[in-house]
Amino acid sequence: MSALLAVVIASVSGASFVYAAPAIDSLTVDGEPIVLDGGSEILVTVSQDAVSVELGASATGADVMVNNQDVPMLLDLVPSADSNVTTAEIVVSGTGSTTYDLQLHRASTVISSFRVDGAVIEPNGSNFSAEVDAETTTIELSTLDPNAIIEIGGVETNSGVPISVSTPSGRNQFVVKIDSRDLQRTYELLIDRPTATTTTAAAARPGGGGPSGRPSGTQQVTESLTLSSKKESEPSTGTLTIDSDANGPGVELESATIDSNEYDIEVVYSGVDYNKPATWQAEGFGDICWKSEDFGDGDYT
């Protein structure tokens, strides 16, 4: 494939003449003008149902041929079952020659590649789903039509050009729109990022001596616990259980905090309460081993 160039010829007298290689001035496909960027590769999207197109072209002071045929000419497209792309060679001849590579792509909203943070994800019908860890995610989508316009969550991009989107904790839903000539299609992309919470777990009041033993009162801190659920209606909920071993003491949760402003944390049950008769009865002390008022530290000795 040759590039555009200029040839300088110097005469014996010292005068010089510049001969520029010929360039294509215009190109039409089925009568529609194609915007040329001066490069040697020309990409054009045609109708999905097209079986052939009429090509026209012109160049100042030069001849134009497509696949060794004069223009205008009718170019048959390869069957779509075989390929989505038909290629042709445009040669502009004059003082020298310039060759262009013409690629005719049928309009297509078919996704050829979908990557989230570099990982390939597979579709489920018109839906795509992925799970990420970071607050910012890179999405790269490619279509069979390289000229398709893609919109992800309201941000426009092109086929194969990655974009970054914000993915806060929980479920993030993105509408993906693909516009390929006279075709439009919409997909749904779901990106889940688990919610991280920080909790503080501590033993109950100090004591000792019972059949199961009494808590030592030593505080235990656990950080960055992740709660996640696959329920679509509750994407960022979960249950955290704090327990001791079979012969260990009872455990009571003293506090729990969350490091996100987007969600709330609720303690449904804080664990062992030694002011309830049922707690003592469950640990084997019988039905009458309890007091009617709150226990103090001296009651655990």
Protein backbone atom coordinates (compact mmCIF):
# COMPACT_ATOMS: atom_id res chain seq x y z
CA MET A 1 0.00 0.00 0.00
CA SER A 2 1.59 3.29 -1.12
CA ALA A 3 1.37 6.56 0.74
CA LEU A 4 0.93 10.02 -0.73
CA LEU A 5 4.21 11.57 -1.81
CA ALA A 6 5.70 14.36 -3.87
CA VAL A 7 8.43 13.93 -6.47
CA VAL A 8 10.88 16.79 -7.09
CA ILE A 9 12.63 16.88 -10.49
CA ALA A 10 15.52 19.31 -10.91
CA SER A 11 16.46 20.60 -14.37
CA VAL A 12 19.97 21.21 -15.61
CA SER A 13 19.39 24.95 -15.28
CA GLY A 14 18.64 24.56 -11.61
CA ALA A 15 14.88 25.10 -11.82
CA SER A 16 12.79 22.46 -10.09
CA PHE A 17 9.31 21.15 -10.67
CA VAL A 18 7.20 19.44 -7.97
CA TYR A 19 4.96 16.59 -9.05
CA ALA A 20 2.58 15.48 -6.27
CA ALA A 21 1.24 11.96 -6.35
CA PRO A 22 -2.44 12.01 -7.29
CA ALA A 23 -5.04 11.84 -4.54
CA ILE A 24 -8.69 10.96 -4.53
CA ASP A 25 -10.94 14.01 -4.31
CA SER A 26 -14.32 12.42 -3.72
CA LEU A 27 -15.93 9.05 -3.15
CA THR A 28 -19.60 8.12 -3.21
CA VAL A 29 -21.34 4.92 -2.16
CA ASP A 30 -24.82 4.55 -3.65
CA GLY A 31 -24.74 8.28 -4.32
CA GLU A 32 -23.90 9.24 -0.75
CA PRO A 33 -20.65 11.24 -0.36
CA ILE A 34 -18.06 9.72 1.98
CA VAL A 35 -15.97 11.94 4.24
CA LEU A 36 -12.27 11.39 3.46
CA ASP A 37 -9.57 12.05 6.07
CA GLY A 38 -6.59 11.89 3.70
CA GLY A 39 -5.49 8.46 4.90
CA SER A 40 -4.97 5.43 2.71
CA GLU A 41 -7.60 3.34 4.55
CA ILE A 42 -11.27 4.18 3.97
CA LEU A 43 -13.96 2.59 6.18
CA VAL A 44 -17.59 2.81 5.10
CA THR A 45 -20.71 1.33 6.74
CA VAL A 46 -23.49 0.17 4.42
CA SER A 47 -27.00 -1.10 5.03
CA GLN A 48 -27.33 -4.44 6.77
CA ASP A 49 -29.41 -5.80 3.88
CA ALA A 50 -27.20 -4.49 1.05
CA VAL A 51 -25.96 -7.07 -1.47
CA SER A 52 -24.14 -4.60 -3.75
CA VAL A 53 -23.21 -0.91 -3.88
CA GLU A 54 -22.43 1.57 -6.64
CA LEU A 55 -19.08 3.29 -6.21
CA GLY A 56 -18.18 6.64 -7.71
CA ALA A 57 -14.90 8.52 -7.33
CA SER A 58 -12.94 11.38 -8.82
CA ALA A 59 -9.40 12.77 -8.72
CA THR A 60 -8.07 15.97 -10.25
CA GLY A 61 -5.99 15.23 -13.36
CA ALA A 62 -5.95 11.48 -12.69
CA ASP A 63 -7.85 8.29 -13.43
CA VAL A 64 -9.61 6.26 -10.73
CA MET A 65 -10.19 2.53 -10.85
CA VAL A 66 -11.73 0.16 -8.31
CA ASN A 67 -10.57 -3.44 -8.50
CA ASN A 68 -9.18 -2.65 -11.96
CA GLN A 69 -12.55 -1.33 -13.18
CA ASP A 70 -13.41 2.22 -14.20
CA VAL A 71 -15.83 4.16 -12.00
CA PRO A 72 -18.71 4.38 -11.56
CA MET A 73 -18.93 0.63 -10.99
CA LEU A 74 -21.14 -1.86 -9.15
CA LEU A 75 -19.40 -3.78 -6.37
CA ASP A 76 -20.95 -6.98 -5.08
CA LEU A 77 -20.73 -7.49 -1.32
CA VAL A 78 -19.71 -10.84 0.07
CA PRO A 79 -22.57 -12.80 1.64
CA SER A 80 -23.08 -11.77 5.26
CA ALA A 81 -22.91 -15.41 6.33
CA ASP A 82 -19.28 -15.46 5.17
CA SER A 83 -18.10 -12.08 6.40
CA ASN A 84 -19.34 -8.73 7.58
CA VAL A 85 -16.66 -6.89 5.56
CA THR A 86 -16.06 -6.46 1.82
CA THR A 87 -12.72 -4.99 0.73
CA ALA A 88 -11.79 -3.25 -2.50
CA GLU A 89 -8.68 -1.55 -3.91
CA ILE A 90 -8.91 1.99 -5.24
CA VAL A 91 -6.03 3.10 -7.48
CA VAL A 92 -5.61 6.73 -8.53
CA SER A 93 -3.22 7.02 -11.50
CA GLY A 94 -1.67 10.12 -12.97
CA THR A 95 1.86 11.36 -12.41
CA GLY A 96 2.55 8.37 -10.23
CA SER A 97 -0.18 6.45 -8.48
CA THR A 98 -1.79 6.18 -5.05
CA THR A 99 -3.58 3.11 -3.69
CA TYR A 100 -6.39 3.16 -1.13
CA ASP A 101 -7.83 0.27 0.85
CA LEU A 102 -11.63 0.46 0.90
CA GLN A 103 -13.50 -1.54 3.56
CA LEU A 104 -17.27 -1.81 3.36
CA HIS A 105 -18.86 -2.93 6.63
CA ARG A 106 -22.48 -3.97 6.87
CA ALA A 107 -24.34 -2.15 9.63
CA SER A 108 -24.27 -4.34 12.72
CA THR A 109 -25.06 -3.86 16.39
CA VAL A 110 -23.59 -7.28 17.20
CA ILE A 111 -21.03 -7.09 20.01
CA SER A 112 -17.80 -8.88 19.16
CA SER A 113 -16.00 -8.19 22.44
CA PHE A 114 -17.03 -6.87 25.86
CA ARG A 115 -14.40 -6.26 28.54
CA VAL A 116 -14.75 -4.94 32.10
CA ASP A 117 -11.41 -4.07 33.71
CA GLY A 118 -9.72 -6.15 31.01
CA ALA A 119 -11.73 -9.30 31.71
CA VAL A 120 -13.95 -10.67 28.93
CA ILE A 121 -17.58 -11.04 29.96
CA GLU A 122 -20.14 -13.14 28.12
CA PRO A 123 -23.70 -12.02 27.38
CA ASN A 124 -26.90 -13.46 28.77
CA GLY A 125 -29.29 -12.51 26.00
CA SER A 126 -29.22 -8.71 25.90
CA ASN A 127 -27.71 -8.47 29.38
CA PHE A 128 -24.14 -8.40 30.61
CA SER A 129 -23.04 -8.67 34.23
CA ALA A 130 -19.73 -8.43 36.08
CA GLU A 131 -18.36 -7.98 39.59
CA VAL A 132 -15.56 -5.52 40.38
CA ASP A 133 -13.58 -4.34 43.40
CA ALA A 134 -12.65 -0.77 42.49
CA GLU A 135 -14.67 2.46 42.64
CA THR A 136 -13.73 3.22 39.01
CA THR A 137 -14.18 0.61 36.29
CA THR A 138 -12.92 0.52 32.70
CA ILE A 139 -15.37 -0.72 30.06
CA GLU A 140 -14.32 -1.59 26.52
CA LEU A 141 -16.90 -2.69 23.94
CA SER A 142 -16.27 -3.66 20.32
CA THR A 143 -18.84 -4.26 17.60
CA LEU A 144 -18.72 -5.94 14.19
CA ASP A 145 -19.25 -2.50 12.71
CA PRO A 146 -16.11 -0.49 13.64
CA ASN A 147 -17.95 2.74 12.82
CA ALA A 148 -20.76 2.11 15.29
CA ILE A 149 -21.47 4.81 17.86
CA ILE A 150 -21.66 3.38 21.39
CA GLU A 151 -23.20 5.00 24.44
CA ILE A 152 -22.55 3.56 27.90
CA GLY A 153 -24.45 5.14 30.78
CA GLY A 154 -24.91 8.33 28.77
CA VAL A 155 -21.22 8.57 27.78
CA GLU A 156 -20.55 8.28 24.04
CA THR A 157 -17.58 6.37 22.68
CA ASN A 158 -16.51 4.34 19.64
CA SER A 159 -16.03 0.66 19.04
CA GLY A 160 -12.91 -0.56 20.81
CA VAL A 161 -12.31 2.71 22.71
CA PRO A 162 -12.39 2.14 26.52
CA ILE A 163 -14.11 4.50 28.93
CA SER A 164 -14.04 4.78 32.73
CA VAL A 165 -17.20 4.79 34.81
CA SER A 166 -17.88 5.21 38.52
CA THR A 167 -18.92 2.02 40.32
CA PRO A 168 -19.94 2.77 43.92
CA SER A 169 -20.70 -0.04 46.33
CA GLY A 170 -23.73 -2.12 45.43
CA ARG A 171 -25.34 -2.76 42.07
CA ASN A 172 -24.60 -0.37 39.21
CA GLN A 173 -26.85 -0.45 36.17
CA PHE A 174 -25.76 0.93 32.79
CA VAL A 175 -27.80 1.23 29.61
CA VAL A 176 -25.64 0.43 26.58
CA LYS A 177 -26.84 1.79 23.22
CA ILE A 178 -25.30 0.91 19.86
CA ASP A 179 -26.07 2.91 16.72
CA SER A 180 -24.87 1.38 13.46
CA ARG A 181 -26.10 3.29 10.43
CA ASP A 182 -29.82 2.49 10.28
CA LEU A 183 -29.72 0.03 13.18
CA GLN A 184 -30.07 0.70 16.90
CA ARG A 185 -29.95 -1.77 19.78
CA THR A 186 -29.97 -1.45 23.55
CA TYR A 187 -28.22 -3.72 26.05
CA GLU A 188 -28.11 -3.71 29.84
CA LEU A 189 -24.87 -3.92 31.83
CA LEU A 190 -24.95 -4.72 35.57
CA ILE A 191 -21.76 -4.22 37.59
CA ASP A 192 -21.77 -5.30 41.23
CA ARG A 193 -19.26 -4.06 43.77
CA PRO A 194 -19.57 -5.65 47.24
CA THR A 195 -20.21 -3.34 50.15
CA ALA A 196 -17.39 -3.23 52.71
CA THR A 197 -18.22 -2.60 56.37
CA THR A 198 -16.14 -2.24 59.50
CA THR A 199 -17.44 -3.74 62.75
CA THR A 200 -16.19 -3.88 66.33
CA ALA A 201 -17.02 -7.08 68.22
CA ALA A 202 -16.43 -7.46 71.96
CA ALA A 203 -17.10 -10.09 74.62
CA ALA A 204 -19.90 -9.66 77.15
CA ARG A 205 -19.40 -8.50 80.71
CA PRO A 206 -16.54 -10.24 82.53
CA GLY A 207 -17.40 -13.30 84.64
CA GLY A 208 -16.53 -16.96 84.86
CA GLY A 209 -17.15 -20.34 86.37
CA GLY A 210 -20.30 -21.58 84.61
CA PRO A 211 -20.58 -24.89 82.75
CA SER A 212 -19.81 -23.20 79.46
CA GLY A 213 -17.45 -20.68 81.04
CA ARG A 214 -18.00 -16.94 81.26
CA PRO A 215 -16.65 -14.39 78.78
CA SER A 216 -13.22 -13.02 79.52
CA GLY A 217 -14.15 -9.46 78.55
CA THR A 218 -11.27 -9.20 76.05
CA GLN A 219 -12.23 -6.95 73.15
CA GLN A 220 -11.86 -8.30 69.63
CA VAL A 221 -11.86 -5.93 66.65
CA THR A 222 -12.65 -7.18 63.14
CA GLU A 223 -12.33 -4.82 60.17
CA SER A 224 -13.40 -4.73 56.51
CA LEU A 225 -16.03 -7.41 56.66
CA THR A 226 -17.83 -7.75 53.31
CA LEU A 227 -21.56 -8.30 53.12
CA SER A 228 -22.92 -9.23 49.72
CA SER A 229 -26.05 -10.84 48.38
CA LYS A 230 -26.92 -12.22 44.97
CA LYS A 231 -30.56 -11.21 45.43
CA GLU A 232 -31.35 -8.69 42.72
CA SER A 233 -33.85 -6.90 44.98
CA GLU A 234 -31.27 -6.60 47.79
CA PRO A 235 -27.89 -6.23 46.05
CA SER A 236 -25.92 -5.04 49.09
CA THR A 237 -27.38 -6.86 52.07
CA GLY A 238 -26.08 -9.76 54.06
CA THR A 239 -25.89 -11.42 57.46
CA LEU A 240 -22.84 -11.44 59.71
CA THR A 241 -22.62 -14.05 62.49
CA ILE A 242 -20.17 -13.63 65.37
CA ASP A 243 -19.77 -16.71 67.56
CA SER A 244 -17.36 -18.54 69.83
CA ASP A 245 -16.46 -22.22 69.67
CA ALA A 246 -18.64 -24.94 71.19
CA ASN A 247 -17.06 -24.70 74.67
CA GLY A 248 -16.31 -21.01 74.58
CA PRO A 249 -18.06 -18.12 76.26
CA GLY A 250 -21.09 -16.27 75.00
CA VAL A 251 -20.35 -13.25 72.81
CA GLU A 252 -22.07 -9.87 72.68
CA LEU A 253 -21.59 -7.28 69.92
CA GLU A 254 -20.85 -3.91 71.51
CA SER A 255 -20.71 -1.72 68.39
CA ALA A 256 -20.79 -1.76 64.60
CA THR A 257 -19.90 0.98 62.15
CA ILE A 258 -19.92 1.31 58.35
CA ASP A 259 -17.45 3.25 56.22
CA SER A 260 -19.93 4.27 53.50
CA ASN A 261 -22.39 7.19 53.46
CA GLU A 262 -24.58 5.35 50.97
CA TYR A 263 -25.76 2.60 53.28
CA ASP A 264 -26.89 2.04 56.88
CA ILE A 265 -25.97 -0.79 59.19
CA GLU A 266 -28.51 -2.26 61.60
CA VAL A 267 -27.77 -4.62 64.47
CA VAL A 268 -30.75 -6.95 64.67
CA TYR A 269 -29.41 -9.00 67.58
CA SER A 270 -26.35 -8.08 69.63
CA GLY A 271 -25.72 -11.53 71.11
CA VAL A 272 -25.71 -12.78 74.70
CA ASP A 273 -27.61 -10.79 77.37
CA TYR A 274 -26.78 -12.05 80.85
CA ASN A 275 -29.63 -10.02 82.37
CA LYS A 276 -32.17 -12.38 80.78
CA PRO A 277 -33.13 -15.60 82.62
CA ALA A 278 -33.27 -17.45 79.29
CA THR A 279 -29.52 -16.90 78.85
CA TRP A 280 -28.70 -18.66 82.13
CA GLN A 281 -31.21 -21.40 81.50
CA ALA A 282 -29.70 -22.06 78.05
CA GLU A 283 -26.27 -22.48 79.65
CA GLY A 284 -27.49 -25.17 82.04
CA PHE A 285 -28.20 -23.33 85.30
CA GLY A 286 -31.83 -24.43 85.57
CA ASP A 287 -35.12 -22.57 85.71
CA ILE A 288 -34.57 -20.62 88.97
CA CYS A 289 -30.99 -19.37 88.62
CA TRP A 290 -31.68 -15.70 87.92
CA LYS A 291 -32.30 -12.37 89.64
CA SER A 292 -35.06 -9.84 89.08
CA GLU A 293 -32.70 -6.85 88.85
CA ASP A 294 -29.72 -6.14 86.57
CA PHE A 295 -26.54 -7.93 87.42
CA GLY A 296 -23.47 -5.97 88.48
CA ASP A 297 -19.82 -6.89 88.09
CA GLY A 298 -19.78 -8.46 91.54
CA ASP A 299 -22.50 -10.92 90.58
CA TYR A 300 -20.23 -12.70 88.08
CA THR A 301 -17.59 -13.85 90.59
